[in-house]
Amino acid sequence: MAVKELAETVILQSIEDLWDKEQRKECGTFFCSQGFSFWADAAKIKISDRRKILSLILYSMTHGKSPSQGIHV
């Protein structure tokens, strides 16, 4: 697996894990620390797209939306 694909997988799994009560705190730490930045660099995600991802996560966590309910922008 290429590094970019691995990085994308780590980020997507972390997003999914946000909705698991047992994983939420660890995932929140991931997105608020250098973890997300490291893997986003490896995935070659632009800064503007990182901001969008983090904004969607913050919005969904504060408004109680899960990925299965969908987030419309």
PDB file of N, CA and C in Angstrom:
ATOM      1  N   MET A   1       0.854  -1.173   0.000  1.00  0.00           N
ATOM      2  CA  MET A   1       0.000   0.000   0.000  1.00  0.00           C
ATOM      3  C   MET A   1       0.901   1.238   0.000  1.00  0.00           C
ATOM      4  N   ALA A   2       0.580   2.164  -0.828  1.00  0.00           N
ATOM      5  CA  ALA A   2       1.353   3.409  -0.910  1.00  0.00           C
ATOM      6  C   ALA A   2       1.115   4.255   0.346  1.00  0.00           C
ATOM      7  N   VAL A   3       2.068   5.109   0.636  1.00  0.00           N
ATOM      8  CA  VAL A   3       1.979   5.963   1.826  1.00  0.00           C
ATOM      9  C   VAL A   3       0.724   6.831   1.779  1.00  0.00           C
ATOM     10  N   LYS A   4       0.424   7.407   0.616  1.00  0.00           N
ATOM     11  CA  LYS A   4      -0.759   8.267   0.478  1.00  0.00           C
ATOM     12  C   LYS A   4      -2.030   7.498   0.831  1.00  0.00           C
ATOM     13  N   GLU A   5      -2.145   6.286   0.323  1.00  0.00           N
ATOM     14  CA  GLU A   5      -3.335   5.475   0.606  1.00  0.00           C
ATOM     15  C   GLU A   5      -3.414   5.097   2.080  1.00  0.00           C
ATOM     16  N   LEU A   6      -2.276   4.776   2.678  1.00  0.00           N
ATOM     17  CA  LEU A   6      -2.244   4.466   4.105  1.00  0.00           C
ATOM     18  C   LEU A   6      -2.684   5.681   4.926  1.00  0.00           C
ATOM     19  N   ALA A   7      -2.171   6.851   4.582  1.00  0.00           N
ATOM     20  CA  ALA A   7      -2.515   8.083   5.300  1.00  0.00           C
ATOM     21  C   ALA A   7      -4.010   8.370   5.183  1.00  0.00           C
ATOM     22  N   GLU A   8      -4.573   8.207   3.993  1.00  0.00           N
ATOM     23  CA  GLU A   8      -6.005   8.429   3.805  1.00  0.00           C
ATOM     24  C   GLU A   8      -6.818   7.448   4.645  1.00  0.00           C
ATOM     25  N   THR A   9      -6.353   6.206   4.718  1.00  0.00           N
ATOM     26  CA  THR A   9      -7.036   5.190   5.510  1.00  0.00           C
ATOM     27  C   THR A   9      -7.020   5.537   6.989  1.00  0.00           C
ATOM     28  N   VAL A  10      -5.884   6.008   7.493  1.00  0.00           N
ATOM     29  CA  VAL A  10      -5.773   6.398   8.905  1.00  0.00           C
ATOM     30  C   VAL A  10      -6.744   7.530   9.211  1.00  0.00           C
ATOM     31  N   ILE A  11      -6.796   8.528   8.350  1.00  0.00           N
ATOM     32  CA  ILE A  11      -7.689   9.672   8.569  1.00  0.00           C
ATOM     33  C   ILE A  11      -9.152   9.241   8.519  1.00  0.00           C
ATOM     34  N   LEU A  12      -9.518   8.451   7.516  1.00  0.00           N
ATOM     35  CA  LEU A  12     -10.912   8.002   7.405  1.00  0.00           C
ATOM     36  C   LEU A  12     -11.324   7.132   8.587  1.00  0.00           C
ATOM     37  N   GLN A  13     -10.421   6.271   9.048  1.00  0.00           N
ATOM     38  CA  GLN A  13     -10.742   5.433  10.205  1.00  0.00           C
ATOM     39  C   GLN A  13     -10.923   6.291  11.446  1.00  0.00           C
ATOM     40  N   SER A  14     -10.118   7.319  11.588  1.00  0.00           N
ATOM     41  CA  SER A  14     -10.239   8.214  12.740  1.00  0.00           C
ATOM     42  C   SER A  14     -11.560   8.970  12.713  1.00  0.00           C
ATOM     43  N   ILE A  15     -11.994   9.355  11.532  1.00  0.00           N
ATOM     44  CA  ILE A  15     -13.295  10.026  11.404  1.00  0.00           C
ATOM     45  C   ILE A  15     -14.403   9.066  11.819  1.00  0.00           C
ATOM     46  N   GLU A  16     -14.337   7.845  11.340  1.00  0.00           N
ATOM     47  CA  GLU A  16     -15.353   6.861  11.702  1.00  0.00           C
ATOM     48  C   GLU A  16     -15.354   6.584  13.205  1.00  0.00           C
ATOM     49  N   ASP A  17     -14.166   6.490  13.787  1.00  0.00           N
ATOM     50  CA  ASP A  17     -14.048   6.190  15.211  1.00  0.00           C
ATOM     51  C   ASP A  17     -14.570   7.304  16.114  1.00  0.00           C
ATOM     52  N   LEU A  18     -14.733   8.510  15.586  1.00  0.00           N
ATOM     53  CA  LEU A  18     -15.286   9.602  16.394  1.00  0.00           C
ATOM     54  C   LEU A  18     -16.679   9.275  16.918  1.00  0.00           C
ATOM     55  N   TRP A  19     -17.388   8.399  16.232  1.00  0.00           N
ATOM     56  CA  TRP A  19     -18.750   8.073  16.641  1.00  0.00           C
ATOM     57  C   TRP A  19     -18.816   6.821  17.498  1.00  0.00           C
ATOM     58  N   ASP A  20     -17.668   6.323  17.897  1.00  0.00           N
ATOM     59  CA  ASP A  20     -17.585   5.219  18.856  1.00  0.00           C
ATOM     60  C   ASP A  20     -17.231   5.839  20.203  1.00  0.00           C
ATOM     61  N   LYS A  21     -18.120   5.721  21.169  1.00  0.00           N
ATOM     62  CA  LYS A  21     -17.918   6.387  22.459  1.00  0.00           C
ATOM     63  C   LYS A  21     -16.586   6.008  23.110  1.00  0.00           C
ATOM     64  N   GLU A  22     -16.130   4.787  22.905  1.00  0.00           N
ATOM     65  CA  GLU A  22     -14.876   4.338  23.507  1.00  0.00           C
ATOM     66  C   GLU A  22     -13.651   4.920  22.793  1.00  0.00           C
ATOM     67  N   GLN A  23     -13.810   5.331  21.551  1.00  0.00           N
ATOM     68  CA  GLN A  23     -12.693   5.855  20.752  1.00  0.00           C
ATOM     69  C   GLN A  23     -12.688   7.366  20.636  1.00  0.00           C
ATOM     70  N   ARG A  24     -13.784   7.998  20.987  1.00  0.00           N
ATOM     71  CA  ARG A  24     -13.987   9.430  20.726  1.00  0.00           C
ATOM     72  C   ARG A  24     -12.884  10.326  21.295  1.00  0.00           C
ATOM     73  N   LYS A  25     -12.505  10.101  22.534  1.00  0.00           N
ATOM     74  CA  LYS A  25     -11.495  10.969  23.157  1.00  0.00           C
ATOM     75  C   LYS A  25     -10.153  10.860  22.431  1.00  0.00           C
ATOM     76  N   GLU A  26      -9.747   9.631  22.131  1.00  0.00           N
ATOM     77  CA  GLU A  26      -8.481   9.418  21.424  1.00  0.00           C
ATOM     78  C   GLU A  26      -8.517  10.050  20.030  1.00  0.00           C
ATOM     79  N   CYS A  27      -9.636   9.928  19.340  1.00  0.00           N
ATOM     80  CA  CYS A  27      -9.759  10.512  18.007  1.00  0.00           C
ATOM     81  C   CYS A  27      -9.789  12.036  18.075  1.00  0.00           C
ATOM     82  N   GLY A  28     -10.446  12.559  19.086  1.00  0.00           N
ATOM     83  CA  GLY A  28     -10.444  14.010  19.261  1.00  0.00           C
ATOM     84  C   GLY A  28      -9.034  14.526  19.450  1.00  0.00           C
ATOM     85  N   THR A  29      -8.252  13.794  20.228  1.00  0.00           N
ATOM     86  CA  THR A  29      -6.850  14.157  20.427  1.00  0.00           C
ATOM     87  C   THR A  29      -6.090  14.090  19.109  1.00  0.00           C
ATOM     88  N   PHE A  30      -6.362  13.063  18.303  1.00  0.00           N
ATOM     89  CA  PHE A  30      -5.719  12.911  16.997  1.00  0.00           C
ATOM     90  C   PHE A  30      -5.961  14.144  16.123  1.00  0.00           C
ATOM     91  N   PHE A  31      -7.202  14.601  16.061  1.00  0.00           N
ATOM     92  CA  PHE A  31      -7.525  15.727  15.190  1.00  0.00           C
ATOM     93  C   PHE A  31      -7.069  17.069  15.753  1.00  0.00           C
ATOM     94  N   CYS A  32      -6.878  17.147  17.050  1.00  0.00           N
ATOM     95  CA  CYS A  32      -6.447  18.402  17.670  1.00  0.00           C
ATOM     96  C   CYS A  32      -4.933  18.470  17.871  1.00  0.00           C
ATOM     97  N   SER A  33      -4.236  17.437  17.475  1.00  0.00           N
ATOM     98  CA  SER A  33      -2.788  17.405  17.688  1.00  0.00           C
ATOM     99  C   SER A  33      -2.071  17.308  16.341  1.00  0.00           C
ATOM    100  N   GLN A  34      -0.803  16.971  16.418  1.00  0.00           N
ATOM    101  CA  GLN A  34       0.003  16.839  15.205  1.00  0.00           C
ATOM    102  C   GLN A  34      -0.299  15.553  14.433  1.00  0.00           C
ATOM    103  N   GLY A  35      -1.072  14.659  15.024  1.00  0.00           N
ATOM    104  CA  GLY A  35      -1.410  13.408  14.351  1.00  0.00           C
ATOM    105  C   GLY A  35      -2.088  13.643  13.013  1.00  0.00           C
ATOM    106  N   PHE A  36      -3.143  14.442  13.047  1.00  0.00           N
ATOM    107  CA  PHE A  36      -3.862  14.735  11.803  1.00  0.00           C
ATOM    108  C   PHE A  36      -2.960  15.455  10.813  1.00  0.00           C
ATOM    109  N   SER A  37      -2.205  16.408  11.277  1.00  0.00           N
ATOM    110  CA  SER A  37      -1.307  17.167  10.411  1.00  0.00           C
ATOM    111  C   SER A  37      -0.286  16.247   9.734  1.00  0.00           C
ATOM    112  N   PHE A  38       0.276  15.332  10.499  1.00  0.00           N
ATOM    113  CA  PHE A  38       1.262  14.389   9.958  1.00  0.00           C
ATOM    114  C   PHE A  38       0.658  13.550   8.839  1.00  0.00           C
ATOM    115  N   TRP A  39      -0.483  12.928   9.128  1.00  0.00           N
ATOM    116  CA  TRP A  39      -1.105  12.054   8.129  1.00  0.00           C
ATOM    117  C   TRP A  39      -1.681  12.845   6.958  1.00  0.00           C
ATOM    118  N   ALA A  40      -2.155  14.054   7.205  1.00  0.00           N
ATOM    119  CA  ALA A  40      -2.646  14.898   6.107  1.00  0.00           C
ATOM    120  C   ALA A  40      -1.499  15.284   5.181  1.00  0.00           C
ATOM    121  N   ASP A  41      -0.325  15.546   5.743  1.00  0.00           N
ATOM    122  CA  ASP A  41       0.859  15.807   4.911  1.00  0.00           C
ATOM    123  C   ASP A  41       1.169  14.587   4.050  1.00  0.00           C
ATOM    124  N   ALA A  42       1.149  13.417   4.674  1.00  0.00           N
ATOM    125  CA  ALA A  42       1.458  12.180   3.945  1.00  0.00           C
ATOM    126  C   ALA A  42       0.433  11.909   2.841  1.00  0.00           C
ATOM    127  N   ALA A  43      -0.820  12.298   3.087  1.00  0.00           N
ATOM    128  CA  ALA A  43      -1.880  12.109   2.092  1.00  0.00           C
ATOM    129  C   ALA A  43      -1.916  13.227   1.064  1.00  0.00           C
ATOM    130  N   LYS A  44      -1.039  14.213   1.248  1.00  0.00           N
ATOM    131  CA  LYS A  44      -0.956  15.367   0.333  1.00  0.00           C
ATOM    132  C   LYS A  44      -2.276  16.146   0.273  1.00  0.00           C
ATOM    133  N   ILE A  45      -2.908  16.300   1.438  1.00  0.00           N
ATOM    134  CA  ILE A  45      -4.159  17.059   1.532  1.00  0.00           C
ATOM    135  C   ILE A  45      -3.808  18.533   1.682  1.00  0.00           C
ATOM    136  N   LYS A  46      -4.401  19.358   0.822  1.00  0.00           N
ATOM    137  CA  LYS A  46      -4.139  20.798   0.860  1.00  0.00           C
ATOM    138  C   LYS A  46      -4.658  21.398   2.171  1.00  0.00           C
ATOM    139  N   ILE A  47      -4.024  22.493   2.579  1.00  0.00           N
ATOM    140  CA  ILE A  47      -4.413  23.183   3.817  1.00  0.00           C
ATOM    141  C   ILE A  47      -5.895  23.555   3.790  1.00  0.00           C
ATOM    142  N   SER A  48      -6.367  24.068   2.667  1.00  0.00           N
ATOM    143  CA  SER A  48      -7.778  24.471   2.581  1.00  0.00           C
ATOM    144  C   SER A  48      -8.701  23.266   2.768  1.00  0.00           C
ATOM    145  N   ASP A  49      -8.311  22.113   2.253  1.00  0.00           N
ATOM    146  CA  ASP A  49      -9.124  20.910   2.427  1.00  0.00           C
ATOM    147  C   ASP A  49      -9.045  20.391   3.862  1.00  0.00           C
ATOM    148  N   ARG A  50      -7.902  20.564   4.501  1.00  0.00           N
ATOM    149  CA  ARG A  50      -7.777  20.168   5.911  1.00  0.00           C
ATOM    150  C   ARG A  50      -8.735  20.983   6.766  1.00  0.00           C
ATOM    151  N   ARG A  51      -8.794  22.275   6.479  1.00  0.00           N
ATOM    152  CA  ARG A  51      -9.714  23.146   7.232  1.00  0.00           C
ATOM    153  C   ARG A  51     -11.159  22.707   7.032  1.00  0.00           C
ATOM    154  N   LYS A  52     -11.502  22.331   5.814  1.00  0.00           N
ATOM    155  CA  LYS A  52     -12.867  21.868   5.534  1.00  0.00           C
ATOM    156  C   LYS A  52     -13.168  20.597   6.314  1.00  0.00           C
ATOM    157  N   ILE A  53     -12.221  19.669   6.308  1.00  0.00           N
ATOM    158  CA  ILE A  53     -12.408  18.410   7.031  1.00  0.00           C
ATOM    159  C   ILE A  53     -12.604  18.679   8.518  1.00  0.00           C
ATOM    160  N   LEU A  54     -11.722  19.484   9.086  1.00  0.00           N
ATOM    161  CA  LEU A  54     -11.816  19.779  10.517  1.00  0.00           C
ATOM    162  C   LEU A  54     -13.092  20.541  10.849  1.00  0.00           C
ATOM    163  N   SER A  55     -13.520  21.443   9.976  1.00  0.00           N
ATOM    164  CA  SER A  55     -14.771  22.183  10.192  1.00  0.00           C
ATOM    165  C   SER A  55     -15.970  21.243  10.169  1.00  0.00           C
ATOM    166  N   LEU A  56     -15.990  20.304   9.237  1.00  0.00           N
ATOM    167  CA  LEU A  56     -17.085  19.343   9.163  1.00  0.00           C
ATOM    168  C   LEU A  56     -17.126  18.460  10.407  1.00  0.00           C
ATOM    169  N   ILE A  57     -15.943  18.047  10.872  1.00  0.00           N
ATOM    170  CA  ILE A  57     -15.890  17.219  12.075  1.00  0.00           C
ATOM    171  C   ILE A  57     -16.399  18.009  13.274  1.00  0.00           C
ATOM    172  N   LEU A  58     -15.928  19.224  13.432  1.00  0.00           N
ATOM    173  CA  LEU A  58     -16.373  20.065  14.547  1.00  0.00           C
ATOM    174  C   LEU A  58     -17.877  20.296  14.486  1.00  0.00           C
ATOM    175  N   TYR A  59     -18.385  20.626  13.318  1.00  0.00           N
ATOM    176  CA  TYR A  59     -19.827  20.866  13.162  1.00  0.00           C
ATOM    177  C   TYR A  59     -20.622  19.613  13.527  1.00  0.00           C
ATOM    178  N   SER A  60     -20.198  18.494  12.996  1.00  0.00           N
ATOM    179  CA  SER A  60     -20.957  17.266  13.242  1.00  0.00           C
ATOM    180  C   SER A  60     -20.901  16.855  14.707  1.00  0.00           C
ATOM    181  N   MET A  61     -19.770  17.089  15.370  1.00  0.00           N
ATOM    182  CA  MET A  61     -19.667  16.732  16.786  1.00  0.00           C
ATOM    183  C   MET A  61     -20.483  17.670  17.666  1.00  0.00           C
ATOM    184  N   THR A  62     -20.560  18.942  17.313  1.00  0.00           N
ATOM    185  CA  THR A  62     -21.306  19.888  18.139  1.00  0.00           C
ATOM    186  C   THR A  62     -22.804  19.866  17.852  1.00  0.00           C
ATOM    187  N   HIS A  63     -23.187  19.342  16.687  1.00  0.00           N
ATOM    188  CA  HIS A  63     -24.601  19.282  16.340  1.00  0.00           C
ATOM    189  C   HIS A  63     -25.151  17.858  16.378  1.00  0.00           C
ATOM    190  N   GLY A  64     -24.336  16.920  16.862  1.00  0.00           N
ATOM    191  CA  GLY A  64     -24.813  15.550  17.044  1.00  0.00           C
ATOM    192  C   GLY A  64     -25.090  14.788  15.771  1.00  0.00           C
ATOM    193  N   LYS A  65     -24.468  15.164  14.690  1.00  0.00           N
ATOM    194  CA  LYS A  65     -24.663  14.459  13.425  1.00  0.00           C
ATOM    195  C   LYS A  65     -23.602  13.364  13.289  1.00  0.00           C
ATOM    196  N   SER A  66     -24.007  12.211  12.844  1.00  0.00           N
ATOM    197  CA  SER A  66     -23.052  11.151  12.578  1.00  0.00           C
ATOM    198  C   SER A  66     -22.856  11.023  11.072  1.00  0.00           C
ATOM    199  N   PRO A  67     -21.789  10.367  10.644  1.00  0.00           N
ATOM    200  CA  PRO A  67     -21.565  10.221   9.210  1.00  0.00           C
ATOM    201  C   PRO A  67     -22.712   9.525   8.504  1.00  0.00           C
ATOM    202  N   SER A  68     -23.404   8.618   9.195  1.00  0.00           N
ATOM    203  CA  SER A  68     -24.520   7.907   8.579  1.00  0.00           C
ATOM    204  C   SER A  68     -25.701   8.838   8.315  1.00  0.00           C
ATOM    205  N   GLN A  69     -25.804   9.949   9.047  1.00  0.00           N
ATOM    206  CA  GLN A  69     -26.881  10.902   8.822  1.00  0.00           C
ATOM    207  C   GLN A  69     -26.526  11.860   7.690  1.00  0.00           C
ATOM    208  N   GLY A  70     -25.276  11.888   7.345  1.00  0.00           N
ATOM    209  CA  GLY A  70     -24.826  12.753   6.267  1.00  0.00           C
ATOM    210  C   GLY A  70     -24.633  14.190   6.716  1.00  0.00           C
ATOM    211  N   ILE A  71     -23.683  14.831   6.089  1.00  0.00           N
ATOM    212  CA  ILE A  71     -23.410  16.233   6.365  1.00  0.00           C
ATOM    213  C   ILE A  71     -23.517  16.957   5.032  1.00  0.00           C
ATOM    214  N   HIS A  72     -24.393  17.925   4.958  1.00  0.00           N
ATOM    215  CA  HIS A  72     -24.573  18.674   3.712  1.00  0.00           C
ATOM    216  C   HIS A  72     -23.949  20.046   3.849  1.00  0.00           C
ATOM    217  N   VAL A  73     -23.152  20.403   2.878  1.00  0.00           N
ATOM    218  CA  VAL A  73     -22.470  21.689   2.912  1.00  0.00           C
ATOM    219  C   VAL A  73     -23.057  22.599   1.868  1.00  0.00           C
TER     220      VAL A  73
END
